[in-house]
Amino acid sequence: MTLAELLVRLGSFGLGLTWRVEVDEVVDPRVPEMERRSEGAGTDTLTLLSLTTPSLQLIDAEARGFAEDGLAVVRARPPGA
């Protein structure tokens, strides 16, 4: 499942999350902007979705979604993938 698919499937729950994205290997020109926007307090779901498409490839990346009470969602590259 891509990050874009995850964000869409989370539906209304995902809209309330704040995201932080870390990518070890930049292979797409959108990645630095995605990381910049998610620094500090993080970025909202709609902003992250605007930087994400089904064809976006993230390598050695982790996206963490936070709700008011803490970490709610982690999307990471599976080990060995």
Protein backbone atom coordinates (compact mmCIF):
# COMPACT_ATOMS: atom_id res chain seq x y z
CA MET A 1 0.00 0.00 0.00
CA THR A 2 1.38 3.39 -0.95
CA LEU A 3 1.37 6.40 1.37
CA ALA A 4 -1.32 8.03 -0.78
CA GLU A 5 -3.54 4.95 -0.46
CA LEU A 6 -3.03 4.87 3.29
CA LEU A 7 -3.97 8.53 3.69
CA VAL A 8 -7.15 8.03 1.66
CA ARG A 9 -8.14 4.81 3.46
CA LEU A 10 -7.79 6.46 6.85
CA GLY A 11 -10.75 8.62 5.90
CA SER A 12 -12.03 11.09 8.49
CA PHE A 13 -9.78 9.60 11.19
CA GLY A 14 -6.73 10.51 9.12
CA LEU A 15 -7.85 14.11 8.65
CA GLY A 16 -7.20 14.81 12.32
CA LEU A 17 -3.63 13.53 12.28
CA THR A 18 -0.38 15.48 12.13
CA TRP A 19 2.38 13.81 10.14
CA ARG A 20 6.15 13.60 10.33
CA VAL A 21 7.99 12.00 7.41
CA GLU A 22 11.64 10.94 7.34
CA VAL A 23 13.25 9.62 4.16
CA ASP A 24 16.79 8.24 3.96
CA GLU A 25 17.06 8.06 0.16
CA VAL A 26 15.63 10.90 -1.93
CA VAL A 27 14.51 9.64 -5.34
CA ASP A 28 11.74 12.15 -6.07
CA PRO A 29 11.92 15.97 -6.14
CA ARG A 30 8.85 16.21 -3.85
CA VAL A 31 10.55 14.42 -0.98
CA PRO A 32 12.61 17.38 0.39
CA GLU A 33 9.46 19.53 0.49
CA MET A 34 7.56 16.74 2.24
CA GLU A 35 10.32 16.44 4.86
CA ARG A 36 10.58 20.22 5.29
CA ARG A 37 6.85 20.60 5.88
CA SER A 38 6.81 17.76 8.38
CA GLU A 39 9.63 19.12 10.56
CA GLY A 40 8.86 20.43 14.02
CA ALA A 41 5.15 20.22 14.76
CA GLY A 42 4.48 18.20 11.58
CA THR A 43 2.11 18.67 8.67
CA ASP A 44 -1.59 18.05 8.27
CA THR A 45 -2.98 15.16 6.25
CA LEU A 46 -4.28 17.23 3.33
CA THR A 47 -0.90 18.93 2.83
CA LEU A 48 0.86 15.58 2.94
CA LEU A 49 -1.67 14.13 0.50
CA SER A 50 -1.08 17.06 -1.88
CA LEU A 51 2.62 16.09 -2.01
CA THR A 52 1.87 12.39 -2.44
CA THR A 53 0.66 10.50 -5.49
CA PRO A 54 0.20 6.78 -6.10
CA SER A 55 3.41 6.85 -8.18
CA LEU A 56 5.54 8.51 -5.47
CA GLN A 57 8.28 6.15 -4.37
CA LEU A 58 9.72 6.52 -0.88
CA ILE A 59 12.82 4.45 -0.10
CA ASP A 60 13.90 3.84 3.49
CA ALA A 61 11.12 6.09 4.71
CA GLU A 62 8.85 6.32 7.70
CA ALA A 63 5.65 8.34 8.00
CA ARG A 64 4.22 8.76 11.50
CA GLY A 65 0.75 10.12 12.12
CA PHE A 66 0.05 11.71 15.49
CA ALA A 67 -3.30 12.35 17.16
CA GLU A 68 -3.71 14.64 20.17
CA ASP A 69 -2.96 11.76 22.54
CA GLY A 70 0.19 10.55 20.73
CA LEU A 71 1.38 8.27 17.95
CA ALA A 72 -1.56 6.75 16.05
CA VAL A 73 -0.21 5.42 12.72
CA VAL A 74 3.21 4.33 11.45
CA ARG A 75 3.85 3.58 7.78
CA ALA A 76 7.35 2.18 7.34
CA ARG A 77 9.17 0.23 4.70
CA PRO A 78 8.87 -3.46 5.58
CA PRO A 79 12.12 -5.16 6.63
CA GLY A 80 13.89 -6.68 3.66
CA ALA A 81 11.80 -4.78 1.12
